[in-house]
Amino acid sequence: MGVISRAGTGRRGPSALLALAVGASLSACAAPRITLTPRFPDGEVRIYRLVADARTVIDAPGIDAPGIGSGERTVLRADVRIRLGRSAGSRTATLTFTPTGFERDGTQAEPPAEQSAEIVFDDTGRVESVTAAGDGSVPFGGSPDDIGTIFGSTIARGPARIAQRWSEPLADGTGRRRSRVAALRWVGGYRCAVVESATSRPVERVREAGGSTIRLIGTETALVESAFAFDNGFPVRVKAVASGVFDIAGAPGQGTVTIESTTTMTLLDREIAAPRPTATATATARNSRRPARS
């Protein structure tokens, strides 16, 4: 990879007051049209800061674990690093999930181990496959739909306008996603379309609780708000508010688990690989270094 440079395209320039005025007019105009197109330059690295705040309440008399009755609150912080590429004609990405802090009921605790996966996705950001790297655990539980939000899979491709709505099946086939363009605004220095997406899907998870391995089976509903930089082609911020009530299988007495969570990912940095010199540019550079003939 060539020289790495920090990306600044699309950010607010010196004429910040004028830019703010333009941004305000975007929302004020009657249904302004924009184009939503995810972009995936080969070699680009995107780094997001993740904060996941969750509350878990376990109602199961046969399990002695944190969260029984009153509930347990956890806060996980992590850096999510995405390196874009291409292999055998498909778009690929290496996704690395690195926890930087973990709290349980306000007390610092040991964070989870780093996770990594190889992702294959299409030009729309829709994830086609997730392959674990390392010890076999994958970020975001390996969910194609959860991972796809980072690539802009919730975005309607092509021309769009405020209040536009659409619906599409989830990648795992368990339900549908219903979305709309809610607003246009500046987010993190980028002109963004704010897209809201609602889902309801059956979920099955495996957890350790009180020395027992339990399966959680239930339905999760979620509202995802994605601020998509339409000049640049990537999400600047993704916020997901989810809740679910799950039946416990494989535990004495069984019972239920209620999980409510708010997860926010904010763009921290971008690294863009400098384009490789073309053959013509290389030849020109070589000729320019040759001594002139006398």
C-alpha atoms as a PDB file:
ATOM      1  CA  MET A   1       0.000   0.000   0.000  1.00  0.00           C
ATOM      2  CA  GLY A   2       1.225   3.464  -0.798  1.00  0.00           C
ATOM      3  CA  VAL A   3       1.625   6.482   1.407  1.00  0.00           C
ATOM      4  CA  ILE A   4      -1.205   6.885   3.886  1.00  0.00           C
ATOM      5  CA  SER A   5      -2.938  10.238   4.065  1.00  0.00           C
ATOM      6  CA  ARG A   6      -5.700  11.426   6.357  1.00  0.00           C
ATOM      7  CA  ALA A   7      -8.949  12.022   4.521  1.00  0.00           C
ATOM      8  CA  GLY A   8     -10.556  15.432   4.593  1.00  0.00           C
ATOM      9  CA  THR A   9     -12.864  15.376   1.578  1.00  0.00           C
ATOM     10  CA  GLY A  10     -16.386  16.387   2.455  1.00  0.00           C
ATOM     11  CA  ARG A  11     -15.531  18.073   5.747  1.00  0.00           C
ATOM     12  CA  ARG A  12     -16.558  21.587   6.664  1.00  0.00           C
ATOM     13  CA  GLY A  13     -14.109  24.083   5.149  1.00  0.00           C
ATOM     14  CA  PRO A  14     -13.202  27.658   6.035  1.00  0.00           C
ATOM     15  CA  SER A  15     -16.612  28.944   4.950  1.00  0.00           C
ATOM     16  CA  ALA A  16     -18.269  27.215   7.903  1.00  0.00           C
ATOM     17  CA  LEU A  17     -21.006  29.828   8.289  1.00  0.00           C
ATOM     18  CA  LEU A  18     -21.942  29.535   4.626  1.00  0.00           C
ATOM     19  CA  ALA A  19     -21.892  25.729   4.913  1.00  0.00           C
ATOM     20  CA  LEU A  20     -24.212  25.867   7.910  1.00  0.00           C
ATOM     21  CA  ALA A  21     -26.576  28.084   5.977  1.00  0.00           C
ATOM     22  CA  VAL A  22     -26.537  25.635   3.068  1.00  0.00           C
ATOM     23  CA  GLY A  23     -27.164  22.769   5.482  1.00  0.00           C
ATOM     24  CA  ALA A  24     -30.123  24.592   6.989  1.00  0.00           C
ATOM     25  CA  SER A  25     -31.544  25.260   3.559  1.00  0.00           C
ATOM     26  CA  LEU A  26     -31.257  21.570   2.687  1.00  0.00           C
ATOM     27  CA  SER A  27     -33.732  20.709   5.422  1.00  0.00           C
ATOM     28  CA  ALA A  28     -35.914  23.725   4.749  1.00  0.00           C
ATOM     29  CA  CYS A  29     -36.387  23.141   1.010  1.00  0.00           C
ATOM     30  CA  ALA A  30     -39.331  21.090  -0.191  1.00  0.00           C
ATOM     31  CA  ALA A  31     -38.063  17.523  -0.631  1.00  0.00           C
ATOM     32  CA  PRO A  32     -34.499  18.242  -1.887  1.00  0.00           C
ATOM     33  CA  ARG A  33     -33.089  15.313  -3.864  1.00  0.00           C
ATOM     34  CA  ILE A  34     -29.758  13.698  -3.125  1.00  0.00           C
ATOM     35  CA  THR A  35     -27.972  10.545  -4.268  1.00  0.00           C
ATOM     36  CA  LEU A  36     -27.176   7.770  -1.795  1.00  0.00           C
ATOM     37  CA  THR A  37     -24.350   5.569  -3.064  1.00  0.00           C
ATOM     38  CA  PRO A  38     -22.051   3.573  -0.753  1.00  0.00           C
ATOM     39  CA  ARG A  39     -18.405   3.738  -1.861  1.00  0.00           C
ATOM     40  CA  PHE A  40     -15.615   1.290  -1.066  1.00  0.00           C
ATOM     41  CA  PRO A  41     -12.177   2.472  -2.298  1.00  0.00           C
ATOM     42  CA  ASP A  42      -9.662  -0.372  -2.268  1.00  0.00           C
ATOM     43  CA  GLY A  43      -7.173  -0.030   0.581  1.00  0.00           C
ATOM     44  CA  GLU A  44      -9.178   2.520   2.547  1.00  0.00           C
ATOM     45  CA  VAL A  45      -9.303   2.040   6.323  1.00  0.00           C
ATOM     46  CA  ARG A  46     -12.239   3.295   8.389  1.00  0.00           C
ATOM     47  CA  ILE A  47     -12.060   3.397  12.173  1.00  0.00           C
ATOM     48  CA  TYR A  48     -15.166   3.724  14.325  1.00  0.00           C
ATOM     49  CA  ARG A  49     -15.531   4.210  18.091  1.00  0.00           C
ATOM     50  CA  LEU A  50     -18.227   1.927  19.525  1.00  0.00           C
ATOM     51  CA  VAL A  51     -20.108   2.310  22.820  1.00  0.00           C
ATOM     52  CA  ALA A  52     -22.637  -0.413  23.729  1.00  0.00           C
ATOM     53  CA  ASP A  53     -24.781   0.259  26.807  1.00  0.00           C
ATOM     54  CA  ALA A  54     -26.976  -2.705  27.773  1.00  0.00           C
ATOM     55  CA  ARG A  55     -29.282  -3.696  30.618  1.00  0.00           C
ATOM     56  CA  THR A  56     -30.103  -7.355  31.201  1.00  0.00           C
ATOM     57  CA  VAL A  57     -32.771  -8.682  33.548  1.00  0.00           C
ATOM     58  CA  ILE A  58     -32.953 -12.436  34.188  1.00  0.00           C
ATOM     59  CA  ASP A  59     -36.146 -13.948  35.572  1.00  0.00           C
ATOM     60  CA  ALA A  60     -35.064 -17.546  36.144  1.00  0.00           C
ATOM     61  CA  PRO A  61     -35.193 -19.127  39.629  1.00  0.00           C
ATOM     62  CA  GLY A  62     -32.784 -21.883  38.611  1.00  0.00           C
ATOM     63  CA  ILE A  63     -29.919 -19.540  37.701  1.00  0.00           C
ATOM     64  CA  ASP A  64     -27.664 -17.703  40.134  1.00  0.00           C
ATOM     65  CA  ALA A  65     -26.060 -14.961  38.041  1.00  0.00           C
ATOM     66  CA  PRO A  66     -25.701 -11.166  37.811  1.00  0.00           C
ATOM     67  CA  GLY A  67     -28.893  -9.601  36.514  1.00  0.00           C
ATOM     68  CA  ILE A  68     -31.306 -11.725  38.513  1.00  0.00           C
ATOM     69  CA  GLY A  69     -34.371  -9.655  39.433  1.00  0.00           C
ATOM     70  CA  SER A  70     -32.979  -6.101  39.619  1.00  0.00           C
ATOM     71  CA  GLY A  71     -30.947  -6.298  36.417  1.00  0.00           C
ATOM     72  CA  GLU A  72     -27.344  -5.802  35.373  1.00  0.00           C
ATOM     73  CA  ARG A  73     -25.960  -2.899  33.362  1.00  0.00           C
ATOM     74  CA  THR A  74     -22.880  -3.279  31.182  1.00  0.00           C
ATOM     75  CA  VAL A  75     -21.008  -0.720  29.079  1.00  0.00           C
ATOM     76  CA  LEU A  76     -18.596  -1.910  26.405  1.00  0.00           C
ATOM     77  CA  ARG A  77     -16.234   0.410  24.533  1.00  0.00           C
ATOM     78  CA  ALA A  78     -14.314  -0.704  21.481  1.00  0.00           C
ATOM     79  CA  ASP A  79     -12.577   0.431  18.312  1.00  0.00           C
ATOM     80  CA  VAL A  80     -13.884  -1.089  15.081  1.00  0.00           C
ATOM     81  CA  ARG A  81     -11.342  -1.072  12.247  1.00  0.00           C
ATOM     82  CA  ILE A  82     -12.397  -1.850   8.668  1.00  0.00           C
ATOM     83  CA  ARG A  83      -9.859  -2.346   5.875  1.00  0.00           C
ATOM     84  CA  LEU A  84     -11.503  -2.416   2.446  1.00  0.00           C
ATOM     85  CA  GLY A  85     -10.223  -4.535  -0.419  1.00  0.00           C
ATOM     86  CA  ARG A  86     -11.124  -6.763  -3.323  1.00  0.00           C
ATOM     87  CA  SER A  87     -10.514 -10.451  -3.985  1.00  0.00           C
ATOM     88  CA  ALA A  88     -11.516 -12.635  -6.936  1.00  0.00           C
ATOM     89  CA  GLY A  89     -13.841  -9.929  -8.206  1.00  0.00           C
ATOM     90  CA  SER A  90     -15.690  -9.526  -4.882  1.00  0.00           C
ATOM     91  CA  ARG A  91     -15.569  -6.675  -2.427  1.00  0.00           C
ATOM     92  CA  THR A  92     -13.951  -7.680   0.845  1.00  0.00           C
ATOM     93  CA  ALA A  93     -13.135  -6.168   4.212  1.00  0.00           C
ATOM     94  CA  THR A  94     -11.128  -7.180   7.236  1.00  0.00           C
ATOM     95  CA  LEU A  95     -13.117  -6.171  10.313  1.00  0.00           C
ATOM     96  CA  THR A  96     -11.278  -6.009  13.638  1.00  0.00           C
ATOM     97  CA  PHE A  97     -13.172  -5.409  16.885  1.00  0.00           C
ATOM     98  CA  THR A  98     -10.824  -4.262  19.687  1.00  0.00           C
ATOM     99  CA  PRO A  99     -12.407  -3.688  23.132  1.00  0.00           C
ATOM    100  CA  THR A 100     -10.888  -0.736  24.996  1.00  0.00           C
ATOM    101  CA  GLY A 101     -12.982  -0.845  28.183  1.00  0.00           C
ATOM    102  CA  PHE A 102     -15.748  -2.741  29.937  1.00  0.00           C
ATOM    103  CA  GLU A 103     -17.912  -1.878  32.961  1.00  0.00           C
ATOM    104  CA  ARG A 104     -20.352  -4.008  34.905  1.00  0.00           C
ATOM    105  CA  ASP A 105     -22.719  -2.053  37.168  1.00  0.00           C
ATOM    106  CA  GLY A 106     -20.271   0.861  37.245  1.00  0.00           C
ATOM    107  CA  THR A 107     -17.221  -1.279  38.097  1.00  0.00           C
ATOM    108  CA  GLN A 108     -14.334  -1.851  35.695  1.00  0.00           C
ATOM    109  CA  ALA A 109     -14.156  -5.451  34.519  1.00  0.00           C
ATOM    110  CA  GLU A 110     -12.065  -7.545  32.150  1.00  0.00           C
ATOM    111  CA  PRO A 111     -13.049  -6.670  28.566  1.00  0.00           C
ATOM    112  CA  PRO A 112     -13.777  -9.365  25.979  1.00  0.00           C
ATOM    113  CA  ALA A 113     -10.998 -10.572  23.709  1.00  0.00           C
ATOM    114  CA  GLU A 114     -10.310  -8.953  20.352  1.00  0.00           C
ATOM    115  CA  GLN A 115     -12.337 -10.384  17.478  1.00  0.00           C
ATOM    116  CA  SER A 116     -11.673 -10.359  13.750  1.00  0.00           C
ATOM    117  CA  ALA A 117     -13.470 -11.507  10.631  1.00  0.00           C
ATOM    118  CA  GLU A 118     -13.186 -11.481   6.854  1.00  0.00           C
ATOM    119  CA  ILE A 119     -16.269 -10.002   5.192  1.00  0.00           C
ATOM    120  CA  VAL A 120     -17.475 -10.431   1.611  1.00  0.00           C
ATOM    121  CA  PHE A 121     -20.127  -7.943   0.479  1.00  0.00           C
ATOM    122  CA  ASP A 122     -21.627  -6.502  -2.694  1.00  0.00           C
ATOM    123  CA  ASP A 123     -21.603  -2.988  -4.142  1.00  0.00           C
ATOM    124  CA  THR A 124     -24.644  -2.017  -2.049  1.00  0.00           C
ATOM    125  CA  GLY A 125     -22.959  -2.922   1.262  1.00  0.00           C
ATOM    126  CA  ARG A 126     -25.062  -6.059   1.683  1.00  0.00           C
ATOM    127  CA  VAL A 127     -22.983  -8.707   3.469  1.00  0.00           C
ATOM    128  CA  GLU A 128     -22.732 -12.057   1.671  1.00  0.00           C
ATOM    129  CA  SER A 129     -20.451 -13.996   4.025  1.00  0.00           C
ATOM    130  CA  VAL A 130     -18.662 -13.643   7.370  1.00  0.00           C
ATOM    131  CA  THR A 131     -15.620 -15.819   8.126  1.00  0.00           C
ATOM    132  CA  ALA A 132     -14.068 -15.794  11.586  1.00  0.00           C
ATOM    133  CA  ALA A 133     -10.352 -15.206  12.014  1.00  0.00           C
ATOM    134  CA  GLY A 134      -8.287 -16.230  15.028  1.00  0.00           C
ATOM    135  CA  ASP A 135     -10.116 -18.118  17.787  1.00  0.00           C
ATOM    136  CA  GLY A 136     -13.359 -18.452  15.860  1.00  0.00           C
ATOM    137  CA  SER A 137     -15.438 -15.722  17.535  1.00  0.00           C
ATOM    138  CA  VAL A 138     -16.749 -13.033  15.210  1.00  0.00           C
ATOM    139  CA  PRO A 139     -17.700  -9.381  15.797  1.00  0.00           C
ATOM    140  CA  PHE A 140     -21.403  -8.554  16.220  1.00  0.00           C
ATOM    141  CA  GLY A 141     -22.228 -12.230  16.535  1.00  0.00           C
ATOM    142  CA  GLY A 142     -21.546 -12.670  12.825  1.00  0.00           C
ATOM    143  CA  SER A 143     -24.924 -11.136  11.933  1.00  0.00           C
ATOM    144  CA  PRO A 144     -24.867 -10.048   8.259  1.00  0.00           C
ATOM    145  CA  ASP A 145     -27.474  -7.365   8.956  1.00  0.00           C
ATOM    146  CA  ASP A 146     -25.710  -5.888  12.004  1.00  0.00           C
ATOM    147  CA  ILE A 147     -22.355  -5.850  10.193  1.00  0.00           C
ATOM    148  CA  GLY A 148     -23.955  -4.502   7.023  1.00  0.00           C
ATOM    149  CA  THR A 149     -25.020  -1.271   8.726  1.00  0.00           C
ATOM    150  CA  ILE A 150     -21.344  -0.275   8.887  1.00  0.00           C
ATOM    151  CA  PHE A 151     -21.120  -0.552   5.094  1.00  0.00           C
ATOM    152  CA  GLY A 152     -24.356   1.343   4.472  1.00  0.00           C
ATOM    153  CA  SER A 153     -26.627  -1.621   3.739  1.00  0.00           C
ATOM    154  CA  THR A 154     -29.622   0.245   5.245  1.00  0.00           C
ATOM    155  CA  ILE A 155     -29.299   2.982   2.624  1.00  0.00           C
ATOM    156  CA  ALA A 156     -31.571   3.109  -0.437  1.00  0.00           C
ATOM    157  CA  ARG A 157     -29.243   3.295  -3.414  1.00  0.00           C
ATOM    158  CA  GLY A 158     -29.709   6.057  -5.970  1.00  0.00           C
ATOM    159  CA  PRO A 159     -31.712   9.316  -5.910  1.00  0.00           C
ATOM    160  CA  ALA A 160     -33.554   9.958  -2.652  1.00  0.00           C
ATOM    161  CA  ARG A 161     -35.374  12.722  -0.827  1.00  0.00           C
ATOM    162  CA  ILE A 162     -36.650  13.526   2.666  1.00  0.00           C
ATOM    163  CA  ALA A 163     -39.570  11.331   3.763  1.00  0.00           C
ATOM    164  CA  GLN A 164     -38.844   8.715   1.100  1.00  0.00           C
ATOM    165  CA  ARG A 165     -39.686   5.220   2.386  1.00  0.00           C
ATOM    166  CA  TRP A 166     -38.742   1.715   1.334  1.00  0.00           C
ATOM    167  CA  SER A 167     -38.798  -1.848   2.599  1.00  0.00           C
ATOM    168  CA  GLU A 168     -36.485  -4.789   1.941  1.00  0.00           C
ATOM    169  CA  PRO A 169     -35.851  -8.283   3.342  1.00  0.00           C
ATOM    170  CA  LEU A 170     -33.093  -8.771   5.901  1.00  0.00           C
ATOM    171  CA  ALA A 171     -29.944 -10.514   4.683  1.00  0.00           C
ATOM    172  CA  ASP A 172     -30.566 -13.542   6.918  1.00  0.00           C
ATOM    173  CA  GLY A 173     -34.152 -13.903   5.681  1.00  0.00           C
ATOM    174  CA  THR A 174     -35.720 -13.597   9.155  1.00  0.00           C
ATOM    175  CA  GLY A 175     -37.765 -10.461   8.563  1.00  0.00           C
ATOM    176  CA  ARG A 176     -37.928  -7.111   6.790  1.00  0.00           C
ATOM    177  CA  ARG A 177     -36.323  -3.737   7.275  1.00  0.00           C
ATOM    178  CA  ARG A 178     -38.510  -0.649   6.863  1.00  0.00           C
ATOM    179  CA  SER A 179     -36.601   2.579   6.322  1.00  0.00           C
ATOM    180  CA  ARG A 180     -37.094   6.266   5.586  1.00  0.00           C
ATOM    181  CA  VAL A 181     -34.971   9.368   5.016  1.00  0.00           C
ATOM    182  CA  ALA A 182     -35.749  11.328   8.163  1.00  0.00           C
ATOM    183  CA  ALA A 183     -33.597  14.449   7.714  1.00  0.00           C
ATOM    184  CA  LEU A 184     -30.570  16.088   6.109  1.00  0.00           C
ATOM    185  CA  ARG A 185     -28.015  17.604   8.451  1.00  0.00           C
ATOM    186  CA  TRP A 186     -24.315  18.091   9.214  1.00  0.00           C
ATOM    187  CA  VAL A 187     -22.868  15.263  11.324  1.00  0.00           C
ATOM    188  CA  GLY A 188     -19.199  15.212  12.290  1.00  0.00           C
ATOM    189  CA  GLY A 189     -18.360  17.752   9.601  1.00  0.00           C
ATOM    190  CA  TYR A 190     -20.066  15.815   6.778  1.00  0.00           C
ATOM    191  CA  ARG A 191     -23.302  16.484   4.897  1.00  0.00           C
ATOM    192  CA  CYS A 192     -25.474  13.537   5.865  1.00  0.00           C
ATOM    193  CA  ALA A 193     -28.799  11.937   5.129  1.00  0.00           C
ATOM    194  CA  VAL A 194     -30.248  10.580   8.375  1.00  0.00           C
ATOM    195  CA  VAL A 195     -31.883   7.239   7.597  1.00  0.00           C
ATOM    196  CA  GLU A 196     -34.100   5.526  10.176  1.00  0.00           C
ATOM    197  CA  SER A 197     -34.655   1.767   9.878  1.00  0.00           C
ATOM    198  CA  ALA A 198     -36.956  -0.437  11.959  1.00  0.00           C
ATOM    199  CA  THR A 199     -36.700  -4.230  12.223  1.00  0.00           C
ATOM    200  CA  SER A 200     -38.325  -7.045  14.154  1.00  0.00           C
ATOM    201  CA  ARG A 201     -36.774 -10.486  13.888  1.00  0.00           C
ATOM    202  CA  PRO A 202     -36.474 -13.797  15.719  1.00  0.00           C
ATOM    203  CA  VAL A 203     -33.125 -14.148  17.499  1.00  0.00           C
ATOM    204  CA  GLU A 204     -31.349 -17.089  19.099  1.00  0.00           C
ATOM    205  CA  ARG A 205     -28.288 -16.542  21.284  1.00  0.00           C
ATOM    206  CA  VAL A 206     -26.025 -18.660  23.461  1.00  0.00           C
ATOM    207  CA  ARG A 207     -24.867 -17.236  26.802  1.00  0.00           C
ATOM    208  CA  GLU A 208     -23.006 -18.336  29.931  1.00  0.00           C
ATOM    209  CA  ALA A 209     -24.901 -17.597  33.178  1.00  0.00           C
ATOM    210  CA  GLY A 210     -24.314 -18.932  36.658  1.00  0.00           C
ATOM    211  CA  GLY A 211     -22.068 -21.713  35.388  1.00  0.00           C
ATOM    212  CA  SER A 212     -24.690 -22.872  32.876  1.00  0.00           C
ATOM    213  CA  THR A 213     -24.750 -22.568  29.110  1.00  0.00           C
ATOM    214  CA  ILE A 214     -28.178 -21.319  28.126  1.00  0.00           C
ATOM    215  CA  ARG A 215     -29.940 -20.625  24.860  1.00  0.00           C
ATOM    216  CA  LEU A 216     -32.035 -17.502  24.504  1.00  0.00           C
ATOM    217  CA  ILE A 217     -34.865 -17.707  21.999  1.00  0.00           C
ATOM    218  CA  GLY A 218     -37.137 -14.752  21.311  1.00  0.00           C
ATOM    219  CA  THR A 219     -37.854 -11.666  19.225  1.00  0.00           C
ATOM    220  CA  GLU A 220     -35.724  -8.532  19.003  1.00  0.00           C
ATOM    221  CA  THR A 221     -36.984  -5.175  17.769  1.00  0.00           C
ATOM    222  CA  ALA A 222     -34.573  -2.429  16.806  1.00  0.00           C
ATOM    223  CA  LEU A 223     -34.533   1.133  15.504  1.00  0.00           C
ATOM    224  CA  VAL A 224     -31.327   2.051  13.676  1.00  0.00           C
ATOM    225  CA  GLU A 225     -30.430   5.649  12.834  1.00  0.00           C
ATOM    226  CA  SER A 226     -27.642   5.982  10.291  1.00  0.00           C
ATOM    227  CA  ALA A 227     -26.085   9.325   9.378  1.00  0.00           C
ATOM    228  CA  PHE A 228     -24.808   8.665   5.852  1.00  0.00           C
ATOM    229  CA  ALA A 229     -22.319  11.096   4.263  1.00  0.00           C
ATOM    230  CA  PHE A 230     -23.851  11.259   0.782  1.00  0.00           C
ATOM    231  CA  ASP A 231     -20.939  13.213  -0.734  1.00  0.00           C
ATOM    232  CA  ASN A 232     -18.480  10.546   0.437  1.00  0.00           C
ATOM    233  CA  GLY A 233     -20.418   7.284   0.490  1.00  0.00           C
ATOM    234  CA  PHE A 234     -20.123   5.958   4.055  1.00  0.00           C
ATOM    235  CA  PRO A 235     -21.892   6.137   7.440  1.00  0.00           C
ATOM    236  CA  VAL A 236     -20.507   8.752   9.832  1.00  0.00           C
ATOM    237  CA  ARG A 237     -22.564   7.598  12.792  1.00  0.00           C
ATOM    238  CA  VAL A 238     -24.809   4.590  13.424  1.00  0.00           C
ATOM    239  CA  LYS A 239     -27.046   4.362  16.490  1.00  0.00           C
ATOM    240  CA  ALA A 240     -29.104   1.251  17.265  1.00  0.00           C
ATOM    241  CA  VAL A 241     -31.694   1.021  20.055  1.00  0.00           C
ATOM    242  CA  ALA A 242     -32.806  -2.595  20.546  1.00  0.00           C
ATOM    243  CA  SER A 243     -34.933  -4.568  22.985  1.00  0.00           C
ATOM    244  CA  GLY A 244     -35.935  -8.182  23.261  1.00  0.00           C
ATOM    245  CA  VAL A 245     -37.589 -10.697  25.568  1.00  0.00           C
ATOM    246  CA  PHE A 246     -36.141 -14.194  25.324  1.00  0.00           C
ATOM    247  CA  ASP A 247     -37.188 -17.558  26.679  1.00  0.00           C
ATOM    248  CA  ILE A 248     -34.414 -19.537  28.346  1.00  0.00           C
ATOM    249  CA  ALA A 249     -33.714 -23.043  27.092  1.00  0.00           C
ATOM    250  CA  GLY A 250     -31.256 -25.469  28.680  1.00  0.00           C
ATOM    251  CA  ALA A 251     -31.393 -24.088  32.238  1.00  0.00           C
ATOM    252  CA  PRO A 252     -32.960 -25.476  35.455  1.00  0.00           C
ATOM    253  CA  GLY A 253     -36.451 -24.018  35.861  1.00  0.00           C
ATOM    254  CA  GLN A 254     -36.014 -22.068  32.623  1.00  0.00           C
ATOM    255  CA  GLY A 255     -37.454 -18.526  32.667  1.00  0.00           C
ATOM    256  CA  THR A 256     -36.975 -15.333  30.606  1.00  0.00           C
ATOM    257  CA  VAL A 257     -34.289 -12.756  29.869  1.00  0.00           C
ATOM    258  CA  THR A 258     -35.018  -9.143  28.912  1.00  0.00           C
ATOM    259  CA  ILE A 259     -32.245  -7.232  27.134  1.00  0.00           C
ATOM    260  CA  GLU A 260     -32.359  -3.524  26.272  1.00  0.00           C
ATOM    261  CA  SER A 261     -29.386  -1.904  24.570  1.00  0.00           C
ATOM    262  CA  THR A 262     -28.187   1.267  22.888  1.00  0.00           C
ATOM    263  CA  THR A 263     -25.167   0.925  20.608  1.00  0.00           C
ATOM    264  CA  THR A 264     -23.487   3.886  18.934  1.00  0.00           C
ATOM    265  CA  MET A 265     -20.660   3.804  16.389  1.00  0.00           C
ATOM    266  CA  THR A 266     -19.015   7.085  15.431  1.00  0.00           C
ATOM    267  CA  LEU A 267     -16.433   7.589  12.692  1.00  0.00           C
ATOM    268  CA  LEU A 268     -13.098   8.260  14.373  1.00  0.00           C
ATOM    269  CA  ASP A 269     -10.691   8.360  11.447  1.00  0.00           C
ATOM    270  CA  ARG A 270     -10.115   7.391   7.828  1.00  0.00           C
ATOM    271  CA  GLU A 271      -6.891   6.363   6.155  1.00  0.00           C
ATOM    272  CA  ILE A 272      -6.704   6.480   2.365  1.00  0.00           C
ATOM    273  CA  ALA A 273      -4.008   4.678   0.404  1.00  0.00           C
ATOM    274  CA  ALA A 274      -2.307   6.943  -2.110  1.00  0.00           C
ATOM    275  CA  PRO A 275      -2.998   5.702  -5.664  1.00  0.00           C
ATOM    276  CA  ARG A 276      -0.250   3.638  -7.217  1.00  0.00           C
ATOM    277  CA  PRO A 277       1.642   5.449 -10.010  1.00  0.00           C
ATOM    278  CA  THR A 278       0.590   4.454 -13.531  1.00  0.00           C
ATOM    279  CA  ALA A 279       3.077   3.047 -16.025  1.00  0.00           C
ATOM    280  CA  THR A 280       3.058   6.359 -17.921  1.00  0.00           C
ATOM    281  CA  ALA A 281       3.707   8.358 -14.765  1.00  0.00           C
ATOM    282  CA  THR A 282       6.515   5.985 -13.772  1.00  0.00           C
ATOM    283  CA  ALA A 283       8.176   6.281 -17.213  1.00  0.00           C
ATOM    284  CA  THR A 284       7.875  10.073 -17.101  1.00  0.00           C
ATOM    285  CA  ALA A 285       9.475  10.152 -13.665  1.00  0.00           C
ATOM    286  CA  ARG A 286      12.362   7.967 -14.862  1.00  0.00           C
ATOM    287  CA  ASN A 287      12.937  10.106 -17.946  1.00  0.00           C
ATOM    288  CA  SER A 288      12.997  13.240 -15.821  1.00  0.00           C
ATOM    289  CA  ARG A 289      15.908  11.782 -13.837  1.00  0.00           C
ATOM    290  CA  ARG A 290      18.056  10.974 -16.908  1.00  0.00           C
ATOM    291  CA  PRO A 291      20.961  13.359 -17.475  1.00  0.00           C
ATOM    292  CA  ALA A 292      20.668  15.478 -20.579  1.00  0.00           C
ATOM    293  CA  ARG A 293      22.903  14.390 -23.486  1.00  0.00           C
ATOM    294  CA  SER A 294      25.641  16.808 -24.450  1.00  0.00           C
END
